[in-house]
Amino acid sequence: MSKTKLYILIFAHLAFWVLNYLYITSGNITWMGFDNVSGTMPIVYSYGMFFNALLCYIQVFWLVPRFFIKHKKLAFWSYSLLFLLGITAVESYLDLYVASSFNMIYPVASFSMILFSVFIQNLGFHVLYSAFGFLYRFLFEYRKAERAKQELLKETHQTELKYLKAQLNPHFLFNGINSVYHLIGSNNTLAKDTLVQFSGLLRYQLYESSEALINLEKELDYVSQYIRLEAIRKGDDILLEHTIDYENASLKIAPLLLTPFIENAFKHISHHDEAEKNSIVIDIKESQQKIQLFVKNTTDSSIQKSTIGGVGLQNVTRRLALLYPKKHTLTITEENDCYQVNLSIDIS
């Protein structure tokens, strides 16, 4: 807790007790025969408020943190009862002393009955203030524990995100090198051009995407370059349709969430002799601060469906759950030799 917050808290507590005292000692309030007119109320409430505050802060600073929080319940209740009865007895004797000093007469003649009546009434107030102290410290400890839990969860998520993001670079590096390798010898000019594009994409992954959020325009430009790179690698063997459209380029989005689905489509596309049977459709739209990604690709019936996806999609699915909980929907369907992805992310 900062010093400023500590000072504010101390001031709030002092103000509570001062206003409490002023309210009781300035109004037309009577209690057990004591009143402000005779001047007895300010006297009895001076030490009475002291005892109330004492019981409250014994709970706050000692009993709750020392015993209750540490699950020493027997010691907690034993000490609480001891302080309640002891302080109530002391205050009750003081009340009777003040009453006798001002020649106050009680309707009950027996001293023991008077003491018992005063004791019970004082005990009720002391239980109230002791319970207030208990609840105050208990709620404080609960909020502190919740904050610690949230910080731990946040730290765990950040660590996991760093690990998941670190997995992307070698995965992308392997696929990019493989793409260039297949072009070397058959088309060296295209291989060089592809290598230049690949280096630009790798630079984006290593440096520009290091931020937690990045401009939507930059991310979609990266996606567009990636699609062109894959289209060069596949050449005339596939039929590719892709559109990218957005309304607000300044929106922020977590980087490298869209490409794994596109990469998966190129990786697992069918290998029919006729190019028109090997199709990929990619449609990305941003409207009203929502990103919609649609990816559809043909697959070979000979390939086991469970093999489609793999580490890349597991990775990005986990990242989506961490980065956009309850703010995204992901639907993946596999049927009729067709693999389809529908992703929606609220990036408002």
Protein backbone atom coordinates (compact mmCIF):
# COMPACT_ATOMS: atom_id res chain seq x y z
CA MET A 1 0.00 0.00 0.00
CA SER A 2 1.32 3.43 -0.95
CA LYS A 3 1.87 6.13 1.68
CA THR A 4 -0.92 8.25 0.22
CA LYS A 5 -3.43 5.40 0.49
CA LEU A 6 -2.22 4.65 4.03
CA TYR A 7 -2.71 8.27 5.11
CA ILE A 8 -6.18 8.34 3.56
CA LEU A 9 -7.08 5.12 5.37
CA ILE A 10 -5.84 6.45 8.73
CA PHE A 11 -7.75 9.70 8.21
CA ALA A 12 -10.93 7.76 7.34
CA HIS A 13 -10.68 5.72 10.54
CA LEU A 14 -10.05 8.79 12.70
CA ALA A 15 -12.94 10.60 11.05
CA PHE A 16 -15.23 7.63 11.75
CA TRP A 17 -14.48 7.63 15.49
CA VAL A 18 -14.58 11.42 15.84
CA LEU A 19 -17.93 11.69 14.05
CA ASN A 20 -19.20 8.75 16.08
CA TYR A 21 -18.29 10.53 19.32
CA LEU A 22 -19.73 13.88 18.20
CA TYR A 23 -22.99 12.28 17.14
CA ILE A 24 -23.51 10.52 20.49
CA THR A 25 -22.42 13.43 22.70
CA SER A 26 -24.17 16.27 20.89
CA GLY A 27 -27.68 14.94 20.42
CA ASN A 28 -30.62 14.23 22.70
CA ILE A 29 -29.45 10.70 23.42
CA THR A 30 -29.86 8.82 26.69
CA TRP A 31 -28.49 5.42 27.63
CA MET A 32 -28.85 3.61 30.95
CA GLY A 33 -29.67 6.94 32.58
CA PHE A 34 -26.69 8.77 31.15
CA ASP A 35 -27.43 11.84 29.02
CA ASN A 36 -25.82 14.95 27.58
CA VAL A 37 -27.83 17.32 29.74
CA SER A 38 -26.29 16.06 32.96
CA GLY A 39 -22.88 15.79 31.33
CA THR A 40 -22.61 12.06 32.06
CA MET A 41 -22.88 10.88 28.46
CA PRO A 42 -19.61 12.57 27.24
CA ILE A 43 -17.79 10.98 30.19
CA VAL A 44 -19.04 7.41 29.80
CA TYR A 45 -18.85 7.50 26.02
CA SER A 46 -15.22 8.68 26.11
CA TYR A 47 -14.00 5.46 27.65
CA GLY A 48 -16.86 3.51 26.06
CA MET A 49 -15.70 4.49 22.59
CA PHE A 50 -12.12 3.70 23.60
CA PHE A 51 -13.17 0.16 24.57
CA ASN A 52 -15.20 -0.23 21.35
CA ALA A 53 -12.20 0.84 19.27
CA LEU A 54 -9.90 -1.41 21.31
CA LEU A 55 -12.03 -4.49 20.63
CA CYS A 56 -12.34 -3.55 16.96
CA TYR A 57 -8.61 -3.14 16.39
CA ILE A 58 -7.66 -6.17 18.46
CA GLN A 59 -9.60 -8.10 15.84
CA VAL A 60 -8.09 -6.15 12.96
CA PHE A 61 -4.43 -6.25 13.95
CA TRP A 62 -4.08 -9.35 16.09
CA LEU A 63 -6.86 -11.92 16.41
CA VAL A 64 -7.88 -12.28 12.75
CA PRO A 65 -4.39 -12.25 11.13
CA ARG A 66 -2.69 -14.14 13.99
CA PHE A 67 -5.27 -16.85 14.60
CA PHE A 68 -8.34 -16.89 12.32
CA ILE A 69 -6.51 -16.58 8.98
CA LYS A 70 -4.03 -19.23 10.11
CA HIS A 71 -6.90 -21.60 10.95
CA LYS A 72 -6.30 -21.52 14.69
CA LYS A 73 -10.02 -21.25 15.36
CA LEU A 74 -10.04 -22.46 18.97
CA ALA A 75 -7.45 -19.85 20.01
CA PHE A 76 -9.30 -17.18 18.04
CA TRP A 77 -12.65 -17.79 19.72
CA SER A 78 -11.05 -18.23 23.15
CA TYR A 79 -9.18 -14.91 22.99
CA SER A 80 -12.17 -13.13 21.45
CA LEU A 81 -14.42 -14.28 24.30
CA LEU A 82 -11.79 -13.41 26.89
CA PHE A 83 -11.37 -9.85 25.61
CA LEU A 84 -15.12 -9.36 25.25
CA LEU A 85 -15.93 -10.45 28.78
CA GLY A 86 -12.92 -8.73 30.38
CA ILE A 87 -13.38 -5.34 28.69
CA THR A 88 -17.14 -5.44 29.20
CA ALA A 89 -16.65 -6.11 32.92
CA VAL A 90 -14.21 -3.19 33.25
CA GLU A 91 -16.52 -0.80 31.42
CA SER A 92 -19.53 -1.91 33.45
CA TYR A 93 -17.75 -1.16 36.73
CA LEU A 94 -16.72 2.25 35.38
CA ASP A 95 -20.33 2.96 34.41
CA LEU A 96 -21.48 2.20 37.93
CA TYR A 97 -18.71 4.37 39.36
CA VAL A 98 -19.79 7.34 37.20
CA ALA A 99 -23.42 6.72 38.10
CA SER A 100 -22.65 6.72 41.82
CA SER A 101 -20.51 9.86 41.44
CA PHE A 102 -23.52 11.69 39.97
CA ASN A 103 -25.90 10.16 42.53
CA MET A 104 -27.89 8.34 39.84
CA ILE A 105 -30.56 5.98 41.19
CA TYR A 106 -31.50 2.76 39.40
CA PRO A 107 -34.93 1.17 39.83
CA VAL A 108 -33.32 -2.13 40.84
CA ALA A 109 -31.87 -2.06 44.35
CA SER A 110 -29.51 -5.03 44.16
CA PHE A 111 -25.95 -4.08 43.08
CA SER A 112 -25.41 -7.45 41.41
CA MET A 113 -28.60 -7.08 39.34
CA ILE A 114 -27.60 -3.54 38.32
CA LEU A 115 -24.14 -4.74 37.36
CA PHE A 116 -25.58 -7.65 35.37
CA SER A 117 -28.01 -5.34 33.51
CA VAL A 118 -25.24 -2.87 32.65
CA PHE A 119 -22.91 -5.74 31.70
CA ILE A 120 -25.44 -7.24 29.24
CA GLN A 121 -26.13 -3.90 27.56
CA ASN A 122 -22.41 -3.12 27.22
CA LEU A 123 -21.74 -6.64 25.93
CA GLY A 124 -24.20 -6.12 23.08
CA PHE A 125 -22.28 -3.04 21.83
CA HIS A 126 -18.93 -4.73 22.29
CA VAL A 127 -20.00 -7.75 20.28
CA LEU A 128 -21.13 -5.39 17.53
CA TYR A 129 -17.81 -3.52 17.32
CA SER A 130 -15.78 -6.70 17.67
CA ALA A 131 -17.75 -8.23 14.78
CA PHE A 132 -17.15 -5.06 12.77
CA GLY A 133 -13.39 -5.39 13.30
CA PHE A 134 -13.50 -9.06 12.35
CA LEU A 135 -15.42 -8.41 9.12
CA TYR A 136 -13.19 -5.45 8.23
CA ARG A 137 -9.97 -7.48 8.49
CA PHE A 138 -11.50 -10.62 7.00
CA LEU A 139 -12.66 -8.72 3.89
CA PHE A 140 -9.26 -7.02 3.67
CA GLU A 141 -7.50 -10.41 3.73
CA TYR A 142 -9.98 -11.81 1.21
CA ARG A 143 -9.39 -8.95 -1.23
CA LYS A 144 -5.63 -9.28 -0.75
CA ALA A 145 -5.81 -13.01 -1.48
CA GLU A 146 -7.93 -12.37 -4.58
CA ARG A 147 -5.46 -9.77 -5.84
CA ALA A 148 -2.58 -12.18 -5.28
CA LYS A 149 -4.51 -14.91 -7.08
CA GLN A 150 -5.22 -12.60 -10.03
CA GLU A 151 -1.58 -11.49 -10.19
CA LEU A 152 -0.44 -15.11 -10.15
CA LEU A 153 -2.96 -15.99 -12.84
CA LYS A 154 -1.87 -13.01 -14.94
CA GLU A 155 1.78 -13.93 -14.54
CA THR A 156 1.02 -17.54 -15.46
CA HIS A 157 -0.90 -16.41 -18.55
CA GLN A 158 1.90 -14.07 -19.61
CA THR A 159 4.47 -16.83 -19.19
CA GLU A 160 2.31 -19.22 -21.18
CA LEU A 161 1.74 -16.64 -23.91
CA LYS A 162 5.48 -16.02 -24.20
CA TYR A 163 6.05 -19.74 -24.53
CA LEU A 164 3.30 -20.15 -27.14
CA LYS A 165 4.54 -17.16 -29.11
CA ALA A 166 8.12 -18.47 -29.00
CA GLN A 167 6.87 -21.65 -30.66
CA LEU A 168 5.63 -19.68 -33.67
CA ASN A 169 9.02 -18.49 -34.88
CA PRO A 170 10.72 -21.86 -35.41
CA HIS A 171 7.51 -23.27 -36.89
CA PHE A 172 7.26 -20.41 -39.37
CA LEU A 173 11.00 -20.53 -40.04
CA PHE A 174 10.85 -24.20 -40.95
CA ASN A 175 7.94 -23.70 -43.37
CA GLY A 176 9.55 -20.65 -45.01
CA ILE A 177 12.89 -22.35 -45.58
CA ASN A 178 11.07 -25.38 -46.98
CA SER A 179 9.20 -23.15 -49.44
CA VAL A 180 12.39 -21.52 -50.72
CA TYR A 181 14.15 -24.88 -50.94
CA HIS A 182 11.57 -26.29 -53.37
CA LEU A 183 12.00 -23.29 -55.68
CA ILE A 184 15.81 -23.42 -55.85
CA GLY A 185 16.92 -25.01 -59.11
CA SER A 186 13.50 -24.93 -60.74
CA ASN A 187 13.06 -21.16 -60.58
CA ASN A 188 15.99 -19.33 -58.99
CA THR A 189 14.60 -15.85 -59.72
CA LEU A 190 11.36 -16.71 -57.97
CA ALA A 191 13.33 -18.33 -55.16
CA LYS A 192 15.24 -15.07 -54.59
CA ASP A 193 12.06 -13.02 -54.63
CA THR A 194 10.42 -15.47 -52.25
CA LEU A 195 13.42 -15.31 -49.92
CA VAL A 196 13.18 -11.50 -49.80
CA GLN A 197 9.49 -11.71 -48.93
CA PHE A 198 10.17 -14.41 -46.38
CA SER A 199 12.85 -12.30 -44.66
CA GLY A 200 10.37 -9.43 -44.39
CA LEU A 201 7.79 -11.70 -42.80
CA LEU A 202 10.36 -13.12 -40.42
CA ARG A 203 11.44 -9.60 -39.44
CA TYR A 204 7.82 -8.81 -38.59
CA GLN A 205 7.55 -11.90 -36.41
CA LEU A 206 10.80 -11.30 -34.59
CA TYR A 207 10.61 -7.56 -34.01
CA GLU A 208 7.38 -5.78 -34.91
CA SER A 209 5.05 -8.36 -33.38
CA SER A 210 6.81 -8.26 -30.01
CA GLU A 211 4.12 -5.94 -28.64
CA ALA A 212 1.05 -7.34 -26.91
CA LEU A 213 -1.18 -5.49 -29.38
CA ILE A 214 -0.45 -4.15 -32.84
CA ASN A 215 -2.30 -2.01 -35.39
CA LEU A 216 -4.82 -4.02 -37.36
CA GLU A 217 -3.48 -2.58 -40.63
CA LYS A 218 0.03 -3.90 -39.95
CA GLU A 219 -1.24 -7.32 -38.97
CA LEU A 220 -3.44 -7.66 -42.05
CA ASP A 221 -0.60 -6.47 -44.27
CA TYR A 222 1.52 -9.26 -42.81
CA VAL A 223 -1.29 -11.75 -43.50
CA SER A 224 -1.55 -10.50 -47.08
CA GLN A 225 2.19 -10.93 -47.64
CA TYR A 226 2.06 -14.40 -46.15
CA ILE A 227 -0.75 -15.40 -48.52
CA ARG A 228 1.27 -14.09 -51.50
CA LEU A 229 4.30 -16.07 -50.35
CA GLU A 230 2.31 -19.28 -50.11
CA ALA A 231 0.61 -18.59 -53.44
CA ILE A 232 4.05 -18.30 -55.08
CA ARG A 233 5.12 -21.59 -53.55
CA LYS A 234 1.98 -23.43 -54.68
CA GLY A 235 1.92 -21.78 -58.12
CA ASP A 236 -0.64 -23.14 -60.57
CA ASP A 237 -1.35 -26.24 -58.52
CA ILE A 238 -4.18 -24.58 -56.58
CA LEU A 239 -7.11 -22.26 -57.09
CA LEU A 240 -6.85 -19.42 -54.58
CA GLU A 241 -9.44 -16.79 -53.70
CA HIS A 242 -8.76 -14.28 -50.97
CA THR A 243 -10.16 -10.97 -49.80
CA ILE A 244 -9.08 -8.69 -46.96
CA ASP A 245 -11.27 -5.76 -46.01
CA TYR A 246 -11.34 -3.56 -42.92
CA GLU A 247 -13.02 -0.34 -41.78
CA ASN A 248 -10.75 0.88 -38.97
CA ALA A 249 -7.01 0.45 -39.51
CA SER A 250 -6.15 1.94 -36.10
CA LEU A 251 -7.78 -0.85 -34.13
CA LYS A 252 -5.45 -3.02 -32.09
CA ILE A 253 -5.21 -6.80 -32.24
CA ALA A 254 -2.92 -9.41 -30.73
CA PRO A 255 -0.39 -10.37 -33.44
CA LEU A 256 -0.07 -13.69 -35.25
CA LEU A 257 -3.53 -15.04 -34.49
CA LEU A 258 -4.88 -15.33 -38.03
CA THR A 259 -1.97 -16.82 -39.97
CA PRO A 260 -1.96 -20.27 -38.32
CA PHE A 261 -5.39 -21.00 -39.82
CA ILE A 262 -4.23 -19.80 -43.24
CA GLU A 263 -0.98 -21.73 -42.93
CA ASN A 264 -2.97 -24.83 -42.06
CA ALA A 265 -5.06 -24.47 -45.22
CA PHE A 266 -1.98 -24.33 -47.48
CA LYS A 267 -0.31 -27.16 -45.60
CA HIS A 268 -3.21 -29.60 -45.82
CA ILE A 269 -4.72 -28.69 -49.19
CA SER A 270 -5.65 -31.59 -51.47
CA HIS A 271 -3.31 -32.78 -54.23
CA HIS A 272 -5.61 -33.51 -57.16
CA ASP A 273 -4.24 -33.41 -60.68
CA GLU A 274 -6.75 -30.74 -61.68
CA ALA A 275 -5.87 -27.42 -60.06
CA GLU A 276 -9.53 -26.35 -59.79
CA LYS A 277 -10.13 -29.25 -57.39
CA ASN A 278 -7.46 -27.92 -55.04
CA SER A 279 -9.06 -24.76 -53.77
CA ILE A 280 -8.49 -22.35 -50.91
CA VAL A 281 -10.86 -19.55 -49.99
CA ILE A 282 -9.73 -16.91 -47.48
CA ASP A 283 -11.99 -14.06 -46.44
CA ILE A 284 -11.02 -11.56 -43.73
CA LYS A 285 -13.30 -8.70 -42.79
CA GLU A 286 -13.33 -6.14 -40.01
CA SER A 287 -16.64 -4.46 -39.30
CA GLN A 288 -17.93 -2.74 -36.17
CA GLN A 289 -14.69 -3.63 -34.37
CA LYS A 290 -15.07 -7.34 -35.02
CA ILE A 291 -12.70 -9.46 -37.09
CA GLN A 292 -14.28 -12.23 -39.13
CA LEU A 293 -11.98 -14.89 -40.61
CA PHE A 294 -13.26 -17.54 -43.00
CA VAL A 295 -10.88 -20.15 -44.37
CA LYS A 296 -11.90 -23.11 -46.48
CA ASN A 297 -9.71 -25.63 -48.24
CA THR A 298 -10.16 -28.95 -49.97
CA THR A 299 -8.49 -32.00 -48.43
CA ASP A 300 -7.63 -35.52 -49.53
CA SER A 301 -9.91 -38.25 -48.24
CA SER A 302 -6.83 -40.44 -47.77
CA ILE A 303 -5.48 -38.09 -45.07
CA GLN A 304 -6.74 -38.82 -41.56
CA LYS A 305 -8.76 -35.86 -40.35
CA SER A 306 -7.12 -35.96 -36.93
CA THR A 307 -3.77 -35.11 -38.50
CA ILE A 308 -5.06 -31.83 -39.92
CA GLY A 309 -4.22 -28.93 -37.65
CA GLY A 310 -1.58 -30.18 -35.27
CA VAL A 311 0.59 -28.02 -33.03
CA GLY A 312 -0.05 -24.75 -34.89
CA LEU A 313 -3.81 -24.78 -34.37
CA GLN A 314 -3.54 -26.06 -30.81
CA ASN A 315 -1.18 -23.18 -30.12
CA VAL A 316 -3.38 -20.46 -31.56
CA THR A 317 -6.52 -21.92 -29.96
CA ARG A 318 -4.86 -21.65 -26.57
CA ARG A 319 -3.67 -18.11 -27.29
CA LEU A 320 -7.20 -17.08 -28.25
CA ALA A 321 -8.53 -18.48 -24.97
CA LEU A 322 -5.94 -16.50 -23.00
CA LEU A 323 -6.10 -13.24 -24.96
CA TYR A 324 -9.80 -13.02 -25.82
CA PRO A 325 -11.79 -14.99 -23.24
CA LYS A 326 -15.52 -14.73 -23.97
CA LYS A 327 -14.71 -12.33 -26.83
CA HIS A 328 -14.18 -14.83 -29.63
CA THR A 329 -15.92 -17.75 -31.30
CA LEU A 330 -14.11 -20.45 -33.25
CA THR A 331 -15.83 -23.12 -35.32
CA ILE A 332 -13.90 -25.77 -37.27
CA THR A 333 -15.72 -28.28 -39.46
CA GLU A 334 -14.42 -31.19 -41.53
CA GLU A 335 -16.75 -32.87 -44.03
CA ASN A 336 -16.91 -33.92 -47.66
CA ASP A 337 -13.14 -33.55 -48.13
CA CYS A 338 -13.38 -29.94 -47.03
CA TYR A 339 -11.84 -28.20 -44.03
CA GLN A 340 -13.50 -24.98 -42.89
CA VAL A 341 -12.66 -22.42 -40.21
CA ASN A 342 -14.92 -19.61 -38.94
CA LEU A 343 -13.34 -17.26 -36.44
CA SER A 344 -14.82 -14.11 -34.93
CA ILE A 345 -12.89 -11.84 -32.55
CA ASP A 346 -14.25 -8.79 -30.77
CA ILE A 347 -11.30 -6.36 -30.72
CA SER A 348 -13.21 -3.33 -29.45
